[in-house]
Amino acid sequence: MRWLTSVGPGASVWKVVWPLIIALVALSLLALLTRQLKLLDRQLIFFPSREVVADPGDVGLAFEEVRFQAADGVTLHGWFVQGAGDTTLLWFHGNAGNIGDRVENILLLNRAVGVNVFIFDYRGYGLSEGSPSEKGMYLDAEAAISYLKSRPDVNAEGGLVLFGRSIGAAVAVEMGAGQDFRGIILESPFTSLKAMARRSHPVLSRVIPVGLVVHSKFDSLAKISRVTSPVMVVHGDADETVPVEMGVALFEQASEPKRLYLIRGANHNNTYLVGGEEYFEALRSFVDGPAG
């Protein structure tokens, strides 16, 4: 027996509609995956804390509460601590906590190096508004520089030194690639975020392309040669988070004048403690050196 089938006009419609439905579902899934990957990107990189548990006054330092705005309107919070000289250290801190976790270090820098210290929280950290991102951190850094240039008590032309630690070093490199400063100090810096991701998750990075998960770049190695200011790279040789080889690679790629200062036995977070008096003397020597 032969079966006869008839094809009505509805079948022709479905031939057109089904591919459209499949395409829309695929686009929706792709959009959802993209949003989730961006969220994962932030969760893997930024570890902000909102509660500021201490301030410079707790260690006997006079300081000024500062609030200023980034170009996109986000209000940021920081502290200005007056020093003995006319050099100002603009501090870009790491990816965890907030400025309240750096109070002891602020005290030591202020006393041992004798500089003004301006430290602020990126968006999403401490009392600063917004949520963190690579682009946002660059906007925040630009706003901090503009704020310091507006202060009559800051020698912004020849006395501004950028001090970036860990991810903050990447922010300092980004700023230094477009402007001149008295100096740029990169402490415990990494070459790029993708290189860090491959190191931290070697098995996963072989299965999933790093670019799908890590959208932020913080690619200091690609930018460091464009920095024209004097550069000092500081790194602990026992750094378990960012290998000292990354700091050395950045130093080798940087243009002269440059300095490399390795701290024997220091890990990622205790460079200033393990380095002790010699560490602060090295910073003071660099800061007091001839302006670039």
Protein backbone atom coordinates (compact mmCIF):
# COMPACT_ATOMS: atom_id res chain seq x y z
CA MET A 1 0.00 0.00 0.00
CA ARG A 2 1.34 3.41 -0.85
CA TRP A 3 0.77 6.18 1.65
CA LEU A 4 -0.13 9.51 0.23
CA THR A 5 0.72 12.72 2.05
CA SER A 6 -0.40 16.17 1.27
CA VAL A 7 1.66 19.25 2.01
CA GLY A 8 -0.43 22.26 2.90
CA PRO A 9 0.60 25.90 2.96
CA GLY A 10 1.35 25.63 6.72
CA ALA A 11 4.31 23.35 6.09
CA SER A 12 5.98 25.95 3.91
CA VAL A 13 5.55 28.53 6.68
CA TRP A 14 7.20 26.26 9.24
CA LYS A 15 10.17 25.75 6.94
CA VAL A 16 10.80 29.46 7.32
CA VAL A 17 9.73 29.88 10.96
CA TRP A 18 11.71 27.00 12.50
CA PRO A 19 15.14 28.29 11.46
CA LEU A 20 14.16 31.72 12.84
CA ILE A 21 13.09 30.21 16.16
CA ILE A 22 16.30 28.19 16.41
CA ALA A 23 18.35 31.30 15.60
CA LEU A 24 16.53 33.37 18.23
CA VAL A 25 17.01 30.67 20.87
CA ALA A 26 20.71 30.42 19.99
CA LEU A 27 21.11 34.20 20.21
CA SER A 28 19.32 34.27 23.56
CA LEU A 29 21.57 31.51 24.92
CA LEU A 30 24.64 33.31 23.60
CA ALA A 31 23.55 36.57 25.26
CA LEU A 32 22.93 34.72 28.54
CA LEU A 33 26.32 33.01 28.32
CA THR A 34 28.01 36.34 27.60
CA ARG A 35 26.37 37.95 30.63
CA GLN A 36 27.36 35.01 32.83
CA LEU A 37 30.94 35.08 31.57
CA LYS A 38 31.18 38.82 32.26
CA LEU A 39 29.87 38.20 35.78
CA LEU A 40 32.36 35.36 36.22
CA ASP A 41 35.09 37.65 34.89
CA ARG A 42 34.36 40.15 37.67
CA GLN A 43 34.06 37.47 40.32
CA LEU A 44 37.46 36.02 39.40
CA ILE A 45 39.23 39.38 39.46
CA PHE A 46 37.70 41.81 41.92
CA PHE A 47 37.29 41.15 45.65
CA PRO A 48 36.10 44.45 47.09
CA SER A 49 35.07 45.10 50.68
CA ARG A 50 32.62 47.87 51.52
CA GLU A 51 33.38 48.26 55.23
CA VAL A 52 36.34 50.55 55.91
CA VAL A 53 37.62 49.19 59.22
CA ALA A 54 40.37 51.76 59.90
CA ASP A 55 41.67 55.15 58.79
CA PRO A 56 45.01 56.97 59.10
CA GLY A 57 43.83 58.69 62.28
CA ASP A 58 43.88 55.31 64.01
CA VAL A 59 47.68 55.24 63.68
CA GLY A 60 48.20 58.88 64.57
CA LEU A 61 48.28 60.39 61.07
CA ALA A 62 46.51 63.61 60.22
CA PHE A 63 44.60 63.13 56.98
CA GLU A 64 41.98 64.66 54.75
CA GLU A 65 38.85 62.84 53.60
CA VAL A 66 38.51 63.34 49.85
CA ARG A 67 35.63 62.77 47.48
CA PHE A 68 35.93 63.35 43.75
CA GLN A 69 34.17 62.28 40.57
CA ALA A 70 35.23 60.13 37.64
CA ALA A 71 34.39 61.26 34.11
CA ASP A 72 31.25 59.10 34.05
CA GLY A 73 29.90 60.67 37.25
CA VAL A 74 30.87 57.95 39.74
CA THR A 75 31.85 59.46 43.11
CA LEU A 76 35.07 58.10 44.60
CA HIS A 77 36.49 58.24 48.11
CA GLY A 78 40.07 58.56 49.29
CA TRP A 79 42.52 59.99 51.83
CA PHE A 80 45.23 62.60 51.44
CA VAL A 81 48.04 62.37 53.99
CA GLN A 82 50.48 65.28 54.07
CA GLY A 83 54.20 64.45 53.99
CA ALA A 84 57.43 66.28 54.66
CA GLY A 85 58.37 67.04 51.07
CA ASP A 86 56.65 68.13 47.87
CA THR A 87 56.50 64.66 46.30
CA THR A 88 53.10 62.97 46.22
CA LEU A 89 52.66 59.23 45.96
CA LEU A 90 49.42 58.31 44.17
CA TRP A 91 48.62 54.79 45.32
CA PHE A 92 46.66 52.31 43.19
CA HIS A 93 45.97 49.39 45.52
CA GLY A 94 45.36 45.72 44.77
CA ASN A 95 42.16 43.88 43.90
CA ALA A 96 40.99 42.94 47.40
CA GLY A 97 39.65 44.81 50.43
CA ASN A 98 39.80 48.61 50.41
CA ILE A 99 41.98 51.50 51.58
CA GLY A 100 41.19 50.70 55.22
CA ASP A 101 43.37 47.59 54.92
CA ARG A 102 46.42 49.68 53.97
CA VAL A 103 46.61 52.00 56.99
CA GLU A 104 49.78 50.51 58.49
CA ASN A 105 51.52 50.65 55.12
CA ILE A 106 50.39 54.28 54.64
CA LEU A 107 52.00 55.18 57.97
CA LEU A 108 55.30 53.53 57.05
CA LEU A 109 55.42 55.12 53.60
CA ASN A 110 54.61 58.53 54.99
CA ARG A 111 57.26 58.38 57.71
CA ALA A 112 60.02 56.38 56.04
CA VAL A 113 59.82 57.87 52.55
CA GLY A 114 58.55 61.31 53.59
CA VAL A 115 56.02 61.71 50.79
CA ASN A 116 52.45 62.90 50.63
CA VAL A 117 50.26 59.83 50.17
CA PHE A 118 47.01 59.93 48.23
CA ILE A 119 45.18 56.63 48.27
CA PHE A 120 41.64 56.08 47.04
CA ASP A 121 39.21 53.26 46.46
CA TYR A 122 38.22 52.19 42.97
CA ARG A 123 34.53 52.12 42.16
CA GLY A 124 32.80 49.35 44.10
CA TYR A 125 35.42 49.38 46.86
CA GLY A 126 34.99 50.92 50.30
CA LEU A 127 32.96 54.14 50.21
CA SER A 128 33.30 54.64 46.45
CA GLU A 129 30.18 54.25 44.32
CA GLY A 130 29.61 51.85 41.44
CA SER A 131 30.97 48.40 40.63
CA PRO A 132 34.51 47.52 39.50
CA SER A 133 35.67 46.90 35.94
CA GLU A 134 38.88 47.39 34.00
CA LYS A 135 37.55 50.40 32.11
CA GLY A 136 36.12 51.84 35.32
CA MET A 137 39.43 51.52 37.15
CA TYR A 138 41.18 53.46 34.41
CA LEU A 139 38.55 56.20 34.63
CA ASP A 140 39.03 56.27 38.41
CA ALA A 141 42.80 56.59 38.05
CA GLU A 142 42.45 59.43 35.54
CA ALA A 143 40.10 61.20 37.95
CA ALA A 144 42.57 60.80 40.82
CA ILE A 145 45.36 62.33 38.73
CA SER A 146 43.11 65.23 37.71
CA TYR A 147 42.13 65.77 41.34
CA LEU A 148 45.76 65.95 42.47
CA LYS A 149 46.57 68.37 39.66
CA SER A 150 43.80 70.63 40.98
CA ARG A 151 45.34 70.87 44.46
CA PRO A 152 47.58 73.91 45.06
CA ASP A 153 49.61 71.96 47.65
CA VAL A 154 50.62 69.24 45.15
CA ASN A 155 53.55 69.60 42.79
CA ALA A 156 51.78 67.81 39.96
CA GLU A 157 54.29 68.78 37.26
CA GLY A 158 57.46 67.36 38.74
CA GLY A 159 56.51 65.67 41.99
CA LEU A 160 53.87 63.07 41.21
CA VAL A 161 54.85 59.40 41.56
CA LEU A 162 52.48 56.55 40.71
CA PHE A 163 52.64 53.58 43.06
CA GLY A 164 50.74 50.51 41.85
CA ARG A 165 50.59 47.22 43.68
CA SER A 166 49.48 43.98 41.98
CA ILE A 167 46.48 44.85 39.79
CA GLY A 168 47.14 48.47 40.72
CA ALA A 169 50.46 48.16 38.91
CA ALA A 170 48.51 47.49 35.71
CA VAL A 171 46.53 50.68 36.35
CA ALA A 172 49.78 52.60 36.86
CA VAL A 173 51.17 51.27 33.57
CA GLU A 174 48.00 52.31 31.74
CA MET A 175 48.33 55.85 33.13
CA GLY A 176 52.07 55.97 32.47
CA ALA A 177 51.64 54.93 28.84
CA GLY A 178 49.93 58.25 28.10
CA GLN A 179 51.42 60.77 30.56
CA ASP A 180 54.75 61.70 32.12
CA PHE A 181 55.37 61.46 35.87
CA ARG A 182 58.32 61.83 38.20
CA GLY A 183 58.33 58.07 38.49
CA ILE A 184 56.25 54.91 38.42
CA ILE A 185 56.67 52.15 41.01
CA LEU A 186 55.27 48.73 40.10
CA GLU A 187 55.13 46.41 43.09
CA SER A 188 54.35 42.70 42.62
CA PRO A 189 53.08 43.32 39.07
CA PHE A 190 51.79 40.71 36.63
CA THR A 191 52.33 40.76 32.87
CA SER A 192 48.67 40.34 31.89
CA LEU A 193 45.48 38.97 33.36
CA LYS A 194 45.28 36.21 30.77
CA ALA A 195 48.78 35.07 31.67
CA MET A 196 47.70 34.98 35.31
CA ALA A 197 44.58 32.97 34.42
CA ARG A 198 46.64 30.41 32.54
CA ARG A 199 48.97 30.10 35.51
CA SER A 200 46.21 29.88 38.13
CA HIS A 201 44.01 27.45 36.16
CA PRO A 202 46.31 25.52 33.80
CA VAL A 203 43.96 22.55 33.29
CA LEU A 204 40.85 24.66 32.72
CA SER A 205 42.69 26.99 30.34
CA ARG A 206 43.57 24.01 28.14
CA VAL A 207 39.91 23.04 27.87
CA ILE A 208 38.27 26.47 27.66
CA PRO A 209 39.98 29.37 25.84
CA VAL A 210 40.97 31.94 28.47
CA GLY A 211 39.45 34.71 26.39
CA LEU A 212 35.97 33.25 26.85
CA VAL A 213 36.16 33.60 30.63
CA VAL A 214 38.57 36.47 31.20
CA HIS A 215 37.45 39.52 29.25
CA SER A 216 39.56 42.00 31.22
CA LYS A 217 43.08 42.38 29.89
CA PHE A 218 45.22 44.51 32.22
CA ASP A 219 47.95 43.78 29.68
CA SER A 220 50.94 45.60 31.17
CA LEU A 221 53.49 43.72 29.07
CA ALA A 222 51.97 45.14 25.88
CA LYS A 223 52.03 48.71 27.26
CA ILE A 224 55.16 49.01 29.39
CA SER A 225 57.43 49.98 26.48
CA ARG A 226 55.27 53.09 25.93
CA VAL A 227 55.95 54.35 29.46
CA THR A 228 58.45 57.22 29.23
CA SER A 229 58.73 57.98 32.97
CA PRO A 230 61.39 56.32 35.17
CA VAL A 231 60.17 52.87 36.25
CA MET A 232 60.97 50.87 39.38
CA VAL A 233 59.84 47.25 39.60
CA VAL A 234 59.63 45.77 43.10
CA HIS A 235 58.95 42.06 43.60
CA GLY A 236 59.31 39.42 46.29
CA ASP A 237 61.26 36.40 45.07
CA ALA A 238 58.94 34.09 47.03
CA ASP A 239 55.72 35.53 45.62
CA GLU A 240 53.27 32.61 45.45
CA THR A 241 50.53 34.62 43.71
CA VAL A 242 52.38 36.48 40.97
CA PRO A 243 55.70 34.81 40.07
CA VAL A 244 58.74 37.03 40.24
CA GLU A 245 59.43 36.14 36.60
CA MET A 246 56.50 38.35 35.61
CA GLY A 247 58.01 41.33 37.38
CA VAL A 248 61.36 40.65 35.73
CA ALA A 249 59.68 40.37 32.31
CA LEU A 250 58.09 43.79 32.76
CA PHE A 251 61.39 45.28 33.88
CA GLU A 252 63.18 43.88 30.84
CA GLN A 253 60.52 45.28 28.51
CA ALA A 254 60.52 48.74 30.14
CA SER A 255 62.55 51.61 28.70
CA GLU A 256 65.39 53.30 30.55
CA PRO A 257 65.70 54.74 33.12
CA LYS A 258 64.55 51.77 35.17
CA ARG A 259 65.36 49.87 38.35
CA LEU A 260 64.66 46.34 39.57
CA TYR A 261 64.47 45.69 43.30
CA LEU A 262 63.93 42.10 44.42
CA ILE A 263 63.11 41.30 48.04
CA ARG A 264 64.47 37.99 49.23
CA GLY A 265 61.87 35.84 50.99
CA ALA A 266 58.94 38.21 50.42
CA ASN A 267 55.62 36.93 49.11
CA HIS A 268 52.81 38.82 47.41
CA ASN A 269 51.47 40.76 50.37
CA ASN A 270 54.38 41.32 52.75
CA THR A 271 57.01 43.06 50.63
CA TYR A 272 57.09 46.15 52.83
CA LEU A 273 57.35 44.06 56.02
CA VAL A 274 60.01 41.61 54.83
CA GLY A 275 61.91 44.34 52.97
CA GLY A 276 62.08 46.49 56.09
CA GLU A 277 64.30 49.56 56.24
CA GLU A 278 66.20 48.65 53.05
CA TYR A 279 62.93 48.46 51.12
CA PHE A 280 61.88 51.95 52.18
CA GLU A 281 65.37 53.28 51.51
CA ALA A 282 65.15 51.89 47.96
CA LEU A 283 61.80 53.62 47.45
CA ARG A 284 63.15 56.88 48.89
CA SER A 285 66.20 56.73 46.63
CA PHE A 286 63.99 56.26 43.57
CA VAL A 287 61.52 58.96 44.59
CA ASP A 288 64.29 61.45 45.40
CA GLY A 289 66.16 60.72 42.17
CA PRO A 290 66.17 63.13 39.25
CA ALA A 291 62.77 63.63 37.64
CA GLY A 292 62.29 61.90 34.32
